[in-house]
PDB file of N, CA and C in Angstrom:
ATOM      1  N   MET A   1     -72.974 163.587 -35.096  1.00  0.00           N
ATOM      2  CA  MET A   1     -73.635 162.567 -35.805  1.00  0.00           C
ATOM      3  C   MET A   1     -72.953 162.500 -37.699  1.00  0.00           C
ATOM      4  N   GLU A   2     -72.115 161.467 -38.216  1.00  0.00           N
ATOM      5  CA  GLU A   2     -72.559 161.024 -39.334  1.00  0.00           C
ATOM      6  C   GLU A   2     -74.007 160.696 -40.205  1.00  0.00           C
ATOM      7  N   THR A   3     -73.889 160.962 -41.362  1.00  0.00           N
ATOM      8  CA  THR A   3     -74.969 160.401 -41.773  1.00  0.00           C
ATOM      9  C   THR A   3     -74.708 160.124 -42.998  1.00  0.00           C
ATOM     10  N   TYR A   4     -75.209 158.879 -44.230  1.00  0.00           N
ATOM     11  CA  TYR A   4     -74.451 158.776 -45.130  1.00  0.00           C
ATOM     12  C   TYR A   4     -76.038 158.092 -46.040  1.00  0.00           C
ATOM     13  N   ASP A   5     -76.410 159.151 -46.830  1.00  0.00           N
ATOM     14  CA  ASP A   5     -77.136 158.908 -47.492  1.00  0.00           C
ATOM     15  C   ASP A   5     -76.933 159.025 -49.039  1.00  0.00           C
ATOM     16  N   PRO A   6     -76.979 157.636 -50.100  1.00  0.00           N
ATOM     17  CA  PRO A   6     -76.427 158.576 -50.409  1.00  0.00           C
ATOM     18  C   PRO A   6     -77.508 159.007 -51.991  1.00  0.00           C
ATOM     19  N   ASP A   7     -78.703 159.292 -52.039  1.00  0.00           N
ATOM     20  CA  ASP A   7     -80.421 159.465 -52.777  1.00  0.00           C
ATOM     21  C   ASP A   7     -80.111 161.485 -52.394  1.00  0.00           C
ATOM     22  N   LYS A   8     -79.610 161.431 -51.811  1.00  0.00           N
ATOM     23  CA  LYS A   8     -79.397 163.079 -51.057  1.00  0.00           C
ATOM     24  C   LYS A   8     -78.093 163.615 -51.079  1.00  0.00           C
ATOM     25  N   ASN A   9     -78.234 165.186 -51.738  1.00  0.00           N
ATOM     26  CA  ASN A   9     -77.189 166.403 -52.131  1.00  0.00           C
ATOM     27  C   ASN A   9     -76.367 166.611 -50.453  1.00  0.00           C
ATOM     28  N   THR A  10     -75.533 167.646 -50.272  1.00  0.00           N
ATOM     29  CA  THR A  10     -75.202 167.866 -48.661  1.00  0.00           C
ATOM     30  C   THR A  10     -76.658 168.438 -48.306  1.00  0.00           C
ATOM     31  N   THR A  11     -77.330 169.352 -49.087  1.00  0.00           N
ATOM     32  CA  THR A  11     -77.745 170.174 -47.978  1.00  0.00           C
ATOM     33  C   THR A  11     -79.027 169.914 -47.685  1.00  0.00           C
ATOM     34  N   GLU A  12     -79.522 168.956 -48.288  1.00  0.00           N
ATOM     35  CA  GLU A  12     -80.999 167.798 -48.335  1.00  0.00           C
ATOM     36  C   GLU A  12     -80.930 167.441 -47.476  1.00  0.00           C
ATOM     37  N   VAL A  13     -79.478 166.836 -46.946  1.00  0.00           N
ATOM     38  CA  VAL A  13     -78.765 165.661 -45.374  1.00  0.00           C
ATOM     39  C   VAL A  13     -79.214 167.128 -44.204  1.00  0.00           C
ATOM     40  N   ARG A  14     -79.212 168.090 -44.381  1.00  0.00           N
ATOM     41  CA  ARG A  14     -78.620 169.083 -43.356  1.00  0.00           C
ATOM     42  C   ARG A  14     -79.895 169.532 -42.811  1.00  0.00           C
ATOM     43  N   GLN A  15     -80.991 168.901 -44.025  1.00  0.00           N
ATOM     44  CA  GLN A  15     -82.346 169.912 -43.410  1.00  0.00           C
ATOM     45  C   GLN A  15     -82.805 168.770 -41.732  1.00  0.00           C
ATOM     46  N   GLY A  16     -83.951 170.033 -41.818  1.00  0.00           N
ATOM     47  CA  GLY A  16     -84.634 169.309 -40.775  1.00  0.00           C
ATOM     48  C   GLY A  16     -85.577 167.985 -40.959  1.00  0.00           C
ATOM     49  N   ASN A  17     -85.545 167.306 -39.530  1.00  0.00           N
ATOM     50  CA  ASN A  17     -86.311 165.961 -40.331  1.00  0.00           C
ATOM     51  C   ASN A  17     -87.617 165.708 -39.805  1.00  0.00           C
ATOM     52  N   PRO A  18     -88.209 164.910 -40.554  1.00  0.00           N
ATOM     53  CA  PRO A  18     -89.591 164.750 -41.252  1.00  0.00           C
ATOM     54  C   PRO A  18     -90.969 165.248 -40.092  1.00  0.00           C
ATOM     55  N   ARG A  19     -90.430 164.999 -38.468  1.00  0.00           N
ATOM     56  CA  ARG A  19     -91.716 164.591 -37.550  1.00  0.00           C
ATOM     57  C   ARG A  19     -91.412 166.451 -37.231  1.00  0.00           C
ATOM     58  N   LYS A  20     -90.777 167.281 -37.287  1.00  0.00           N
ATOM     59  CA  LYS A  20     -90.932 168.835 -36.959  1.00  0.00           C
ATOM     60  C   LYS A  20     -90.467 168.952 -35.347  1.00  0.00           C
ATOM     61  N   MET A  21     -89.346 168.280 -35.034  1.00  0.00           N
ATOM     62  CA  MET A  21     -89.020 168.009 -33.261  1.00  0.00           C
ATOM     63  C   MET A  21     -88.278 169.602 -33.353  1.00  0.00           C
ATOM     64  N   ASN A  22     -87.578 170.738 -34.606  1.00  0.00           N
ATOM     65  CA  ASN A  22     -87.266 171.917 -34.133  1.00  0.00           C
ATOM     66  C   ASN A  22     -88.400 172.332 -34.200  1.00  0.00           C
ATOM     67  N   LEU A  23     -89.311 172.487 -35.063  1.00  0.00           N
ATOM     68  CA  LEU A  23     -90.041 172.894 -34.874  1.00  0.00           C
ATOM     69  C   LEU A  23     -91.867 173.350 -34.075  1.00  0.00           C
ATOM     70  N   ARG A  24     -91.574 171.651 -33.207  1.00  0.00           N
ATOM     71  CA  ARG A  24     -92.180 171.402 -32.358  1.00  0.00           C
ATOM     72  C   ARG A  24     -91.552 172.231 -30.709  1.00  0.00           C
ATOM     73  N   VAL A  25     -90.333 172.534 -30.685  1.00  0.00           N
ATOM     74  CA  VAL A  25     -89.683 172.687 -29.671  1.00  0.00           C
ATOM     75  C   VAL A  25     -90.106 174.843 -29.194  1.00  0.00           C
ATOM     76  N   LEU A  26     -89.441 175.488 -30.594  1.00  0.00           N
ATOM     77  CA  LEU A  26     -89.917 176.410 -30.622  1.00  0.00           C
ATOM     78  C   LEU A  26     -91.122 176.960 -29.983  1.00  0.00           C
ATOM     79  N   MET A  27     -92.222 176.336 -31.037  1.00  0.00           N
ATOM     80  CA  MET A  27     -93.209 176.481 -30.811  1.00  0.00           C
ATOM     81  C   MET A  27     -93.774 176.946 -29.281  1.00  0.00           C
ATOM     82  N   ILE A  28     -93.527 175.206 -28.388  1.00  0.00           N
ATOM     83  CA  ILE A  28     -93.735 175.002 -26.861  1.00  0.00           C
ATOM     84  C   ILE A  28     -92.691 175.988 -26.236  1.00  0.00           C
ATOM     85  N   SER A  29     -91.414 176.834 -26.413  1.00  0.00           N
ATOM     86  CA  SER A  29     -90.994 177.681 -26.038  1.00  0.00           C
ATOM     87  C   SER A  29     -91.495 179.181 -26.073  1.00  0.00           C
ATOM     88  N   THR A  30     -91.694 178.621 -27.046  1.00  0.00           N
ATOM     89  CA  THR A  30     -92.670 180.460 -28.028  1.00  0.00           C
ATOM     90  C   THR A  30     -93.615 180.891 -27.118  1.00  0.00           C
ATOM     91  N   THR A  31     -94.648 179.966 -26.590  1.00  0.00           N
ATOM     92  CA  THR A  31     -95.637 179.396 -25.771  1.00  0.00           C
ATOM     93  C   THR A  31     -95.344 179.866 -24.687  1.00  0.00           C
ATOM     94  N   LEU A  32     -94.586 179.622 -23.865  1.00  0.00           N
ATOM     95  CA  LEU A  32     -94.430 179.561 -22.763  1.00  0.00           C
ATOM     96  C   LEU A  32     -93.572 180.433 -22.018  1.00  0.00           C
ATOM     97  N   ILE A  33     -92.910 181.078 -23.237  1.00  0.00           N
ATOM     98  CA  ILE A  33     -92.725 182.605 -22.548  1.00  0.00           C
ATOM     99  C   ILE A  33     -93.383 183.605 -22.401  1.00  0.00           C
ATOM    100  N   ILE A  34     -94.311 183.546 -23.501  1.00  0.00           N
ATOM    101  CA  ILE A  34     -95.848 183.850 -24.136  1.00  0.00           C
ATOM    102  C   ILE A  34     -96.846 183.844 -22.074  1.00  0.00           C
ATOM    103  N   VAL A  35     -96.731 182.818 -22.222  1.00  0.00           N
ATOM    104  CA  VAL A  35     -97.767 183.252 -20.564  1.00  0.00           C
ATOM    105  C   VAL A  35     -97.008 184.179 -19.582  1.00  0.00           C
ATOM    106  N   VAL A  36     -95.914 183.215 -19.648  1.00  0.00           N
ATOM    107  CA  VAL A  36     -94.536 183.731 -18.491  1.00  0.00           C
ATOM    108  C   VAL A  36     -94.689 185.413 -18.198  1.00  0.00           C
ATOM    109  N   PHE A  37     -94.808 186.225 -19.199  1.00  0.00           N
ATOM    110  CA  PHE A  37     -94.717 187.632 -19.345  1.00  0.00           C
ATOM    111  C   PHE A  37     -96.213 187.654 -19.225  1.00  0.00           C
ATOM    112  N   ALA A  38     -97.168 187.262 -19.215  1.00  0.00           N
ATOM    113  CA  ALA A  38     -98.485 187.621 -19.179  1.00  0.00           C
ATOM    114  C   ALA A  38     -99.433 187.418 -18.480  1.00  0.00           C
ATOM    115  N   ILE A  39     -98.517 186.115 -17.801  1.00  0.00           N
ATOM    116  CA  ILE A  39     -98.519 185.930 -15.652  1.00  0.00           C
ATOM    117  C   ILE A  39     -97.787 187.557 -14.495  1.00  0.00           C
ATOM    118  N   ILE A  40     -96.730 187.656 -15.639  1.00  0.00           N
ATOM    119  CA  ILE A  40     -96.055 189.124 -14.716  1.00  0.00           C
ATOM    120  C   ILE A  40     -96.580 190.009 -14.781  1.00  0.00           C
ATOM    121  N   PHE A  41     -97.104 190.500 -16.266  1.00  0.00           N
ATOM    122  CA  PHE A  41     -97.595 191.384 -15.979  1.00  0.00           C
ATOM    123  C   PHE A  41     -99.082 191.536 -15.528  1.00  0.00           C
ATOM    124  N   LEU A  42     -99.833 190.413 -15.747  1.00  0.00           N
ATOM    125  CA  LEU A  42    -100.952 190.332 -14.818  1.00  0.00           C
ATOM    126  C   LEU A  42    -100.966 190.470 -13.222  1.00  0.00           C
ATOM    127  N   VAL A  43     -99.761 189.635 -12.450  1.00  0.00           N
ATOM    128  CA  VAL A  43     -99.214 190.122 -11.197  1.00  0.00           C
ATOM    129  C   VAL A  43     -99.164 191.725 -10.797  1.00  0.00           C
ATOM    130  N   PHE A  44     -97.856 192.913 -11.305  1.00  0.00           N
ATOM    131  CA  PHE A  44     -98.003 193.719 -11.529  1.00  0.00           C
ATOM    132  C   PHE A  44     -99.160 194.536 -11.638  1.00  0.00           C
ATOM    133  N   SER A  45     -99.874 194.610 -12.080  1.00  0.00           N
ATOM    134  CA  SER A  45    -101.299 195.261 -12.409  1.00  0.00           C
ATOM    135  C   SER A  45    -101.903 194.762 -11.775  1.00  0.00           C
ATOM    136  N   ILE A  46    -102.136 193.607 -10.896  1.00  0.00           N
ATOM    137  CA  ILE A  46    -102.953 193.980 -10.204  1.00  0.00           C
ATOM    138  C   ILE A  46    -102.549 194.227  -8.545  1.00  0.00           C
ATOM    139  N   LEU A  47    -100.692 194.435  -8.157  1.00  0.00           N
ATOM    140  CA  LEU A  47     -99.831 194.416  -7.552  1.00  0.00           C
ATOM    141  C   LEU A  47     -99.836 196.234  -7.538  1.00  0.00           C
ATOM    142  N   GLN A  48    -100.550 196.480  -8.296  1.00  0.00           N
ATOM    143  CA  GLN A  48     -99.940 198.397  -8.569  1.00  0.00           C
ATOM    144  C   GLN A  48    -101.720 198.900  -7.844  1.00  0.00           C
ATOM    145  N   PRO A  49    -100.903 199.830  -7.215  1.00  0.00           N
ATOM    146  CA  PRO A  49    -102.027 200.586  -6.334  1.00  0.00           C
ATOM    147  C   PRO A  49    -102.603 201.150  -7.103  1.00  0.00           C
ATOM    148  N   ALA A  50    -104.558 201.680  -6.846  1.00  0.00           N
ATOM    149  CA  ALA A  50    -105.023 202.648  -7.902  1.00  0.00           C
ATOM    150  C   ALA A  50    -105.063 204.009  -7.863  1.00  0.00           C
ATOM    151  N   PRO A  51    -104.680 204.662  -9.329  1.00  0.00           N
ATOM    152  CA  PRO A  51    -104.515 205.944  -9.088  1.00  0.00           C
ATOM    153  C   PRO A  51    -105.429 207.482  -8.161  1.00  0.00           C
ATOM    154  N   ALA A  52    -105.010 207.974  -7.793  1.00  0.00           N
ATOM    155  CA  ALA A  52    -106.011 209.034  -6.556  1.00  0.00           C
ATOM    156  C   ALA A  52    -106.471 209.999  -7.711  1.00  0.00           C
TER     157      ALA A  52
END
């Protein structure tokens, strides 16, 4: 998608949007991955037999 803003240089045009959508996606996906690994860890620790 071509964008043109005469008041910005090429570096400023490439920066993220002010709504921080990239950060939002990164934080939500990271949180979901941590939750999934925590659930997997709890399931395996519960199913592990007690030591003799």
